[in-house]
Amino acid sequence: MKEPTPEAARIPDKKYFRIGEVSGLVGVDPHVLRYWETEFKLIRPRRARSNQRLYRRQDVENLLRIKTLLHDEGYTISGARRLLGNRNRREKIPTQGTTSPAAGRLALVRRELEGILQLLRSKKRG
């Protein structure tokens, strides 16, 4: 099981969070959260009958990851989107056709390294 990050550990144990609460937990203004919703497909809050956004715990954890990538690690929006998209695909890739789970993980690592190499090559040209 994955260890919770320090930020995720401080998220209250609730099913839904309103945008003001999420804003405080993540440390960005509500308009930033609304913008990130348009840029990252993995952030899709539900709507209450009053049409107010209701974020799930997973949304809050993803928003914390996004903030870390953008503010602390210096990624651009497109770079963070690409990284998070690769992470989501990686978690869903089956190990079908491999002889063991370890072989499946090695295949994942190889694909990741090839992706990094492509990124480096494209940055070198530009």
N, C-alpha and C. Protein backbone atom coordinates (compact mmCIF):
# COMPACT_ATOMS: atom_id res chain seq x y z
N MET A 1 0.83 -1.18 0.00
CA MET A 1 0.00 0.00 0.00
C MET A 1 0.88 1.25 0.00
N LYS A 2 0.40 2.29 -0.69
CA LYS A 2 1.18 3.51 -0.83
C LYS A 2 1.14 4.32 0.47
N GLU A 3 2.30 4.83 0.88
CA GLU A 3 2.38 5.67 2.08
C GLU A 3 1.76 7.03 1.80
N PRO A 4 0.94 7.55 2.71
CA PRO A 4 0.37 8.88 2.48
C PRO A 4 1.43 9.95 2.59
N THR A 5 1.32 10.97 1.75
CA THR A 5 2.24 12.10 1.82
C THR A 5 1.87 12.93 3.04
N PRO A 6 2.78 13.77 3.53
CA PRO A 6 2.43 14.62 4.68
C PRO A 6 1.22 15.50 4.41
N GLU A 7 1.10 16.00 3.17
CA GLU A 7 -0.04 16.83 2.82
C GLU A 7 -1.33 16.03 2.86
N ALA A 8 -1.30 14.80 2.32
CA ALA A 8 -2.49 13.95 2.30
C ALA A 8 -2.89 13.54 3.71
N ALA A 9 -1.92 13.41 4.60
CA ALA A 9 -2.21 13.01 5.98
C ALA A 9 -2.99 14.09 6.72
N ARG A 10 -2.87 15.35 6.29
CA ARG A 10 -3.57 16.42 7.00
C ARG A 10 -4.95 16.71 6.41
N ILE A 11 -5.36 15.96 5.41
CA ILE A 11 -6.70 16.12 4.84
C ILE A 11 -7.71 15.50 5.79
N PRO A 12 -8.72 16.24 6.20
CA PRO A 12 -9.72 15.67 7.11
C PRO A 12 -10.40 14.45 6.50
N ASP A 13 -10.85 13.57 7.36
CA ASP A 13 -11.49 12.33 6.93
C ASP A 13 -12.97 12.61 6.62
N LYS A 14 -13.22 13.13 5.42
CA LYS A 14 -14.56 13.45 4.97
C LYS A 14 -14.74 12.91 3.56
N LYS A 15 -15.99 12.76 3.14
CA LYS A 15 -16.25 12.27 1.79
C LYS A 15 -16.14 13.39 0.77
N TYR A 16 -16.69 14.57 1.08
CA TYR A 16 -16.68 15.69 0.14
C TYR A 16 -16.17 16.96 0.80
N PHE A 17 -15.55 17.82 -0.03
CA PHE A 17 -15.02 19.10 0.42
C PHE A 17 -15.52 20.20 -0.51
N ARG A 18 -15.87 21.33 0.05
CA ARG A 18 -16.28 22.47 -0.76
C ARG A 18 -15.03 23.22 -1.22
N ILE A 19 -15.18 24.05 -2.22
CA ILE A 19 -14.03 24.70 -2.85
C ILE A 19 -13.24 25.56 -1.86
N GLY A 20 -13.92 26.20 -0.91
CA GLY A 20 -13.21 27.02 0.09
C GLY A 20 -12.31 26.18 0.97
N GLU A 21 -12.80 24.99 1.37
CA GLU A 21 -11.98 24.08 2.18
C GLU A 21 -10.76 23.59 1.38
N VAL A 22 -11.00 23.21 0.14
CA VAL A 22 -9.92 22.71 -0.71
C VAL A 22 -8.89 23.80 -0.95
N SER A 23 -9.37 25.01 -1.16
CA SER A 23 -8.48 26.15 -1.35
C SER A 23 -7.53 26.30 -0.15
N GLY A 24 -8.07 26.18 1.05
CA GLY A 24 -7.25 26.27 2.26
C GLY A 24 -6.29 25.11 2.41
N LEU A 25 -6.75 23.90 2.09
CA LEU A 25 -5.90 22.71 2.21
C LEU A 25 -4.74 22.74 1.21
N VAL A 26 -5.05 23.15 -0.01
CA VAL A 26 -4.02 23.14 -1.07
C VAL A 26 -3.15 24.38 -0.99
N GLY A 27 -3.73 25.50 -0.52
CA GLY A 27 -2.94 26.72 -0.40
C GLY A 27 -2.95 27.58 -1.64
N VAL A 28 -4.02 27.50 -2.42
CA VAL A 28 -4.18 28.36 -3.60
C VAL A 28 -5.59 28.93 -3.58
N ASP A 29 -5.79 30.02 -4.32
CA ASP A 29 -7.10 30.65 -4.40
C ASP A 29 -8.09 29.77 -5.17
N PRO A 30 -9.39 29.94 -4.89
CA PRO A 30 -10.40 29.14 -5.60
C PRO A 30 -10.34 29.28 -7.12
N HIS A 31 -10.01 30.48 -7.62
CA HIS A 31 -9.95 30.63 -9.08
C HIS A 31 -8.84 29.76 -9.69
N VAL A 32 -7.79 29.51 -8.92
CA VAL A 32 -6.71 28.63 -9.41
C VAL A 32 -7.22 27.20 -9.50
N LEU A 33 -7.99 26.77 -8.51
CA LEU A 33 -8.56 25.42 -8.54
C LEU A 33 -9.48 25.26 -9.75
N ARG A 34 -10.31 26.27 -10.01
CA ARG A 34 -11.21 26.21 -11.16
C ARG A 34 -10.42 26.14 -12.47
N TYR A 35 -9.31 26.88 -12.54
CA TYR A 35 -8.47 26.84 -13.73
C TYR A 35 -7.84 25.45 -13.89
N TRP A 36 -7.31 24.90 -12.80
CA TRP A 36 -6.70 23.58 -12.88
C TRP A 36 -7.70 22.52 -13.32
N GLU A 37 -8.97 22.68 -12.96
CA GLU A 37 -10.00 21.75 -13.42
C GLU A 37 -10.06 21.73 -14.95
N THR A 38 -9.87 22.89 -15.57
CA THR A 38 -9.93 22.95 -17.03
C THR A 38 -8.68 22.35 -17.67
N GLU A 39 -7.58 22.32 -16.95
CA GLU A 39 -6.31 21.86 -17.50
C GLU A 39 -6.00 20.39 -17.21
N PHE A 40 -6.55 19.85 -16.14
CA PHE A 40 -6.23 18.48 -15.72
C PHE A 40 -7.51 17.66 -15.67
N LYS A 41 -7.60 16.64 -16.52
CA LYS A 41 -8.81 15.82 -16.60
C LYS A 41 -9.06 15.01 -15.33
N LEU A 42 -8.03 14.76 -14.55
CA LEU A 42 -8.23 13.96 -13.36
C LEU A 42 -8.92 14.72 -12.23
N ILE A 43 -9.12 16.02 -12.38
CA ILE A 43 -9.84 16.82 -11.39
C ILE A 43 -11.24 17.07 -11.93
N ARG A 44 -12.20 16.37 -11.40
CA ARG A 44 -13.59 16.51 -11.82
C ARG A 44 -14.50 16.48 -10.59
N PRO A 45 -14.65 17.64 -9.94
CA PRO A 45 -15.53 17.66 -8.77
C PRO A 45 -16.99 17.44 -9.17
N ARG A 46 -17.74 16.86 -8.26
CA ARG A 46 -19.17 16.71 -8.48
C ARG A 46 -19.84 18.03 -8.16
N ARG A 47 -21.10 18.11 -8.47
CA ARG A 47 -21.86 19.33 -8.18
C ARG A 47 -22.98 19.00 -7.20
N ALA A 48 -23.13 19.86 -6.21
CA ALA A 48 -24.23 19.73 -5.27
C ALA A 48 -25.50 20.25 -5.95
N ARG A 49 -26.63 20.04 -5.33
CA ARG A 49 -27.88 20.57 -5.89
C ARG A 49 -27.81 22.08 -6.03
N SER A 50 -27.03 22.71 -5.16
CA SER A 50 -26.86 24.17 -5.22
C SER A 50 -25.85 24.58 -6.29
N ASN A 51 -25.34 23.59 -7.04
CA ASN A 51 -24.35 23.77 -8.11
C ASN A 51 -22.96 24.10 -7.57
N GLN A 52 -22.74 23.96 -6.27
CA GLN A 52 -21.42 24.19 -5.71
C GLN A 52 -20.54 22.96 -5.94
N ARG A 53 -19.26 23.19 -6.20
CA ARG A 53 -18.33 22.09 -6.44
C ARG A 53 -18.12 21.30 -5.15
N LEU A 54 -18.10 19.96 -5.30
CA LEU A 54 -17.80 19.07 -4.19
C LEU A 54 -16.64 18.17 -4.61
N TYR A 55 -15.50 18.38 -3.97
CA TYR A 55 -14.30 17.62 -4.29
C TYR A 55 -14.21 16.39 -3.40
N ARG A 56 -13.75 15.28 -3.97
CA ARG A 56 -13.50 14.07 -3.20
C ARG A 56 -12.06 14.12 -2.67
N ARG A 57 -11.77 13.24 -1.74
CA ARG A 57 -10.41 13.18 -1.16
C ARG A 57 -9.36 12.98 -2.26
N GLN A 58 -9.68 12.10 -3.23
CA GLN A 58 -8.74 11.83 -4.32
C GLN A 58 -8.47 13.11 -5.12
N ASP A 59 -9.51 13.93 -5.32
CA ASP A 59 -9.31 15.21 -6.01
C ASP A 59 -8.35 16.10 -5.24
N VAL A 60 -8.53 16.15 -3.92
CA VAL A 60 -7.67 17.00 -3.09
C VAL A 60 -6.22 16.50 -3.15
N GLU A 61 -6.03 15.18 -3.08
CA GLU A 61 -4.68 14.62 -3.17
C GLU A 61 -4.05 14.95 -4.53
N ASN A 62 -4.83 14.84 -5.60
CA ASN A 62 -4.33 15.17 -6.93
C ASN A 62 -3.99 16.65 -7.04
N LEU A 63 -4.82 17.50 -6.45
CA LEU A 63 -4.53 18.94 -6.46
C LEU A 63 -3.25 19.25 -5.71
N LEU A 64 -3.01 18.55 -4.61
CA LEU A 64 -1.75 18.73 -3.87
C LEU A 64 -0.56 18.32 -4.73
N ARG A 65 -0.71 17.20 -5.49
CA ARG A 65 0.36 16.77 -6.40
C ARG A 65 0.60 17.82 -7.47
N ILE A 66 -0.48 18.34 -8.03
CA ILE A 66 -0.36 19.36 -9.08
C ILE A 66 0.35 20.59 -8.53
N LYS A 67 -0.04 21.04 -7.36
CA LYS A 67 0.60 22.22 -6.77
C LYS A 67 2.10 21.97 -6.58
N THR A 68 2.45 20.79 -6.08
CA THR A 68 3.86 20.47 -5.88
C THR A 68 4.62 20.50 -7.21
N LEU A 69 4.03 19.90 -8.23
CA LEU A 69 4.70 19.88 -9.54
C LEU A 69 4.88 21.29 -10.10
N LEU A 70 3.84 22.10 -10.00
CA LEU A 70 3.90 23.44 -10.60
C LEU A 70 4.70 24.43 -9.77
N HIS A 71 4.47 24.45 -8.46
CA HIS A 71 5.08 25.48 -7.62
C HIS A 71 6.45 25.09 -7.07
N ASP A 72 6.62 23.82 -6.70
CA ASP A 72 7.87 23.41 -6.05
C ASP A 72 8.88 22.83 -7.03
N GLU A 73 8.39 22.04 -8.00
CA GLU A 73 9.31 21.35 -8.90
C GLU A 73 9.50 22.07 -10.24
N GLY A 74 8.75 23.14 -10.46
CA GLY A 74 8.97 23.96 -11.64
C GLY A 74 8.41 23.43 -12.95
N TYR A 75 7.49 22.50 -12.91
CA TYR A 75 6.89 21.99 -14.13
C TYR A 75 5.96 23.04 -14.72
N THR A 76 5.80 23.00 -16.03
CA THR A 76 4.77 23.80 -16.68
C THR A 76 3.46 23.02 -16.58
N ILE A 77 2.37 23.68 -16.94
CA ILE A 77 1.07 23.00 -16.92
C ILE A 77 1.10 21.77 -17.83
N SER A 78 1.61 21.95 -19.05
CA SER A 78 1.64 20.82 -19.99
C SER A 78 2.58 19.71 -19.50
N GLY A 79 3.69 20.08 -18.88
CA GLY A 79 4.61 19.07 -18.35
C GLY A 79 3.99 18.29 -17.20
N ALA A 80 3.30 19.00 -16.32
CA ALA A 80 2.63 18.33 -15.20
C ALA A 80 1.50 17.45 -15.72
N ARG A 81 0.77 17.94 -16.71
CA ARG A 81 -0.32 17.15 -17.29
C ARG A 81 0.23 15.87 -17.89
N ARG A 82 1.33 16.00 -18.62
CA ARG A 82 1.96 14.83 -19.25
C ARG A 82 2.43 13.84 -18.19
N LEU A 83 3.07 14.34 -17.15
CA LEU A 83 3.58 13.48 -16.09
C LEU A 83 2.44 12.75 -15.38
N LEU A 84 1.39 13.47 -15.04
CA LEU A 84 0.25 12.86 -14.36
C LEU A 84 -0.50 11.90 -15.28
N GLY A 85 -0.57 12.22 -16.55
CA GLY A 85 -1.20 11.32 -17.51
C GLY A 85 -0.43 10.03 -17.64
N ASN A 86 0.90 10.12 -17.65
CA ASN A 86 1.74 8.92 -17.71
C ASN A 86 1.57 8.10 -16.45
N ARG A 87 1.45 8.76 -15.31
CA ARG A 87 1.27 8.05 -14.04
C ARG A 87 -0.05 7.28 -14.06
N ASN A 88 -1.12 7.91 -14.53
CA ASN A 88 -2.42 7.25 -14.56
C ASN A 88 -2.41 6.08 -15.53
N ARG A 89 -1.78 6.23 -16.70
CA ARG A 89 -1.70 5.12 -17.64
C ARG A 89 -0.86 4.00 -17.06
N ARG A 90 0.22 4.34 -16.40
CA ARG A 90 1.12 3.35 -15.83
C ARG A 90 0.39 2.51 -14.80
N GLU A 91 -0.47 3.14 -13.99
CA GLU A 91 -1.19 2.40 -12.97
C GLU A 91 -2.22 1.46 -13.57
N LYS A 92 -2.67 1.73 -14.80
CA LYS A 92 -3.70 0.92 -15.43
C LYS A 92 -3.14 -0.13 -16.38
N ILE A 93 -1.83 -0.10 -16.68
CA ILE A 93 -1.25 -1.02 -17.65
C ILE A 93 -1.22 -2.43 -17.07
N PRO A 94 -1.85 -3.38 -17.73
CA PRO A 94 -1.82 -4.76 -17.23
C PRO A 94 -0.48 -5.41 -17.52
N THR A 95 -0.18 -6.44 -16.78
CA THR A 95 1.07 -7.17 -16.99
C THR A 95 0.83 -8.38 -17.86
N GLN A 96 -0.23 -8.36 -18.65
CA GLN A 96 -0.58 -9.46 -19.52
C GLN A 96 0.53 -9.71 -20.54
N GLY A 97 0.82 -10.96 -20.79
CA GLY A 97 1.84 -11.30 -21.77
C GLY A 97 3.24 -11.33 -21.19
N THR A 98 3.40 -11.00 -19.91
CA THR A 98 4.71 -11.07 -19.28
C THR A 98 4.76 -12.32 -18.43
N THR A 99 5.96 -12.76 -18.14
CA THR A 99 6.11 -14.00 -17.40
C THR A 99 5.96 -13.80 -15.90
N SER A 100 6.12 -12.57 -15.41
CA SER A 100 5.99 -12.33 -13.97
C SER A 100 5.64 -10.86 -13.74
N PRO A 101 5.17 -10.55 -12.52
CA PRO A 101 4.93 -9.14 -12.21
C PRO A 101 6.19 -8.29 -12.32
N ALA A 102 7.35 -8.87 -11.98
CA ALA A 102 8.61 -8.13 -12.08
C ALA A 102 8.91 -7.78 -13.53
N ALA A 103 8.63 -8.69 -14.45
CA ALA A 103 8.85 -8.41 -15.86
C ALA A 103 7.92 -7.29 -16.33
N GLY A 104 6.71 -7.28 -15.82
CA GLY A 104 5.78 -6.20 -16.16
C GLY A 104 6.27 -4.86 -15.66
N ARG A 105 6.80 -4.84 -14.44
CA ARG A 105 7.35 -3.60 -13.89
C ARG A 105 8.55 -3.13 -14.70
N LEU A 106 9.40 -4.07 -15.10
CA LEU A 106 10.55 -3.71 -15.91
C LEU A 106 10.11 -3.12 -17.25
N ALA A 107 9.07 -3.68 -17.83
CA ALA A 107 8.55 -3.14 -19.09
C ALA A 107 8.03 -1.72 -18.87
N LEU A 108 7.39 -1.47 -17.74
CA LEU A 108 6.92 -0.13 -17.42
C LEU A 108 8.07 0.86 -17.29
N VAL A 109 9.12 0.43 -16.59
CA VAL A 109 10.29 1.28 -16.40
C VAL A 109 10.91 1.60 -17.76
N ARG A 110 10.99 0.61 -18.61
CA ARG A 110 11.56 0.84 -19.94
C ARG A 110 10.74 1.87 -20.71
N ARG A 111 9.40 1.74 -20.68
CA ARG A 111 8.55 2.70 -21.39
C ARG A 111 8.71 4.10 -20.80
N GLU A 112 8.82 4.18 -19.49
CA GLU A 112 9.02 5.49 -18.85
C GLU A 112 10.34 6.11 -19.29
N LEU A 113 11.40 5.31 -19.29
CA LEU A 113 12.71 5.82 -19.69
C LEU A 113 12.70 6.26 -21.16
N GLU A 114 12.00 5.51 -22.01
CA GLU A 114 11.90 5.90 -23.41
C GLU A 114 11.15 7.23 -23.53
N GLY A 115 10.12 7.41 -22.71
CA GLY A 115 9.39 8.68 -22.71
C GLY A 115 10.26 9.84 -22.27
N ILE A 116 11.07 9.61 -21.25
CA ILE A 116 11.99 10.65 -20.75
C ILE A 116 13.01 10.99 -21.84
N LEU A 117 13.51 9.97 -22.50
CA LEU A 117 14.47 10.19 -23.58
C LEU A 117 13.85 11.03 -24.69
N GLN A 118 12.61 10.75 -25.04
CA GLN A 118 11.93 11.56 -26.06
C GLN A 118 11.80 13.00 -25.62
N LEU A 119 11.42 13.21 -24.35
CA LEU A 119 11.32 14.58 -23.83
C LEU A 119 12.66 15.30 -23.91
N LEU A 120 13.73 14.63 -23.51
CA LEU A 120 15.05 15.24 -23.54
C LEU A 120 15.46 15.58 -24.97
N ARG A 121 15.16 14.69 -25.88
CA ARG A 121 15.50 14.96 -27.29
C ARG A 121 14.72 16.16 -27.82
N SER A 122 13.45 16.25 -27.47
CA SER A 122 12.64 17.36 -27.97
C SER A 122 13.09 18.68 -27.34
N LYS A 123 13.53 18.67 -26.07
CA LYS A 123 14.03 19.89 -25.42
C LYS A 123 15.37 20.31 -26.00
N LYS A 124 16.17 19.32 -26.40
CA LYS A 124 17.48 19.61 -26.97
C LYS A 124 17.34 20.34 -28.30
N ARG A 125 16.31 19.95 -29.09
CA ARG A 125 16.06 20.58 -30.39
C ARG A 125 15.51 21.99 -30.22
N GLY A 126 14.69 22.19 -29.20
CA GLY A 126 14.00 23.47 -29.04
C GLY A 126 14.72 24.33 -28.12
